[in-house]
Amino acid sequence: MTSPRAPDRTPPRREDRLKAALKANLARRKAQAKAREAAESETTDRPDEDE
């Protein structure tokens, strides 16, 4: 008989860690760009207060 194997708990490989970090970085940069664009459009969409 074979004994049940424990789940493999090896740490993620370097490639997997880099892949995850790159994905997180890209998502963060996209969110920053979206926020910047929204802030710019907010300032340009307001009518002038002088008129």
C-alpha atoms as a PDB file:
ATOM      1  CA  MET A   1       0.000   0.000   0.000  1.00  0.00           C
ATOM      2  CA  THR A   2       1.043   3.539  -0.562  1.00  0.00           C
ATOM      3  CA  SER A   3       0.678   6.206   2.050  1.00  0.00           C
ATOM      4  CA  PRO A   4      -1.328   9.317   1.145  1.00  0.00           C
ATOM      5  CA  ARG A   5       0.927  12.100   0.015  1.00  0.00           C
ATOM      6  CA  ALA A   6       0.885  15.421   1.760  1.00  0.00           C
ATOM      7  CA  PRO A   7       0.222  18.410  -0.490  1.00  0.00           C
ATOM      8  CA  ASP A   8       3.363  19.878  -1.969  1.00  0.00           C
ATOM      9  CA  ARG A   9       4.174  22.975   0.066  1.00  0.00           C
ATOM     10  CA  THR A  10       7.286  24.125  -1.736  1.00  0.00           C
ATOM     11  CA  PRO A  11       7.677  27.872  -2.059  1.00  0.00           C
ATOM     12  CA  PRO A  12       6.760  29.319  -5.439  1.00  0.00           C
ATOM     13  CA  ARG A  13       9.472  29.315  -8.019  1.00  0.00           C
ATOM     14  CA  ARG A  14      11.264  32.544  -8.874  1.00  0.00           C
ATOM     15  CA  GLU A  15       9.513  32.733 -12.239  1.00  0.00           C
ATOM     16  CA  ASP A  16       6.104  32.415 -10.584  1.00  0.00           C
ATOM     17  CA  ARG A  17       6.939  35.094  -8.011  1.00  0.00           C
ATOM     18  CA  LEU A  18       8.132  37.473 -10.731  1.00  0.00           C
ATOM     19  CA  LYS A  19       5.033  36.782 -12.796  1.00  0.00           C
ATOM     20  CA  ALA A  20       2.778  37.598  -9.838  1.00  0.00           C
ATOM     21  CA  ALA A  21       4.754  40.751  -9.005  1.00  0.00           C
ATOM     22  CA  LEU A  22       4.565  41.944 -12.606  1.00  0.00           C
ATOM     23  CA  LYS A  23       0.810  41.368 -12.706  1.00  0.00           C
ATOM     24  CA  ALA A  24       0.313  43.308  -9.468  1.00  0.00           C
ATOM     25  CA  ASN A  25       2.557  46.127 -10.685  1.00  0.00           C
ATOM     26  CA  LEU A  26       0.660  46.399 -13.968  1.00  0.00           C
ATOM     27  CA  ALA A  27      -2.684  46.518 -12.171  1.00  0.00           C
ATOM     28  CA  ARG A  28      -1.390  49.235  -9.819  1.00  0.00           C
ATOM     29  CA  ARG A  29      -0.040  51.325 -12.700  1.00  0.00           C
ATOM     30  CA  LYS A  30      -3.314  51.012 -14.623  1.00  0.00           C
ATOM     31  CA  ALA A  31      -5.249  52.161 -11.559  1.00  0.00           C
ATOM     32  CA  GLN A  32      -2.906  55.129 -11.108  1.00  0.00           C
ATOM     33  CA  ALA A  33      -3.267  56.131 -14.762  1.00  0.00           C
ATOM     34  CA  LYS A  34      -7.055  55.872 -14.531  1.00  0.00           C
ATOM     35  CA  ALA A  35      -7.112  58.031 -11.405  1.00  0.00           C
ATOM     36  CA  ARG A  36      -4.816  60.603 -13.025  1.00  0.00           C
ATOM     37  CA  GLU A  37      -7.029  60.738 -16.107  1.00  0.00           C
ATOM     38  CA  ALA A  38     -10.143  61.167 -13.980  1.00  0.00           C
ATOM     39  CA  ALA A  39      -8.522  64.006 -12.028  1.00  0.00           C
ATOM     40  CA  GLU A  40      -7.483  65.759 -15.247  1.00  0.00           C
ATOM     41  CA  SER A  41     -10.935  65.455 -16.788  1.00  0.00           C
ATOM     42  CA  GLU A  42     -12.478  66.765 -13.557  1.00  0.00           C
ATOM     43  CA  THR A  43     -10.451  69.964 -13.771  1.00  0.00           C
ATOM     44  CA  THR A  44     -11.072  70.486 -17.498  1.00  0.00           C
ATOM     45  CA  ASP A  45     -14.817  69.705 -17.366  1.00  0.00           C
ATOM     46  CA  ARG A  46     -15.631  72.402 -14.823  1.00  0.00           C
ATOM     47  CA  PRO A  47     -17.052  75.625 -16.241  1.00  0.00           C
ATOM     48  CA  ASP A  48     -15.181  78.835 -15.564  1.00  0.00           C
ATOM     49  CA  GLU A  49     -16.245  80.573 -12.374  1.00  0.00           C
ATOM     50  CA  ASP A  50     -15.838  84.018 -13.965  1.00  0.00           C
ATOM     51  CA  GLU A  51     -18.737  83.565 -16.385  1.00  0.00           C
END
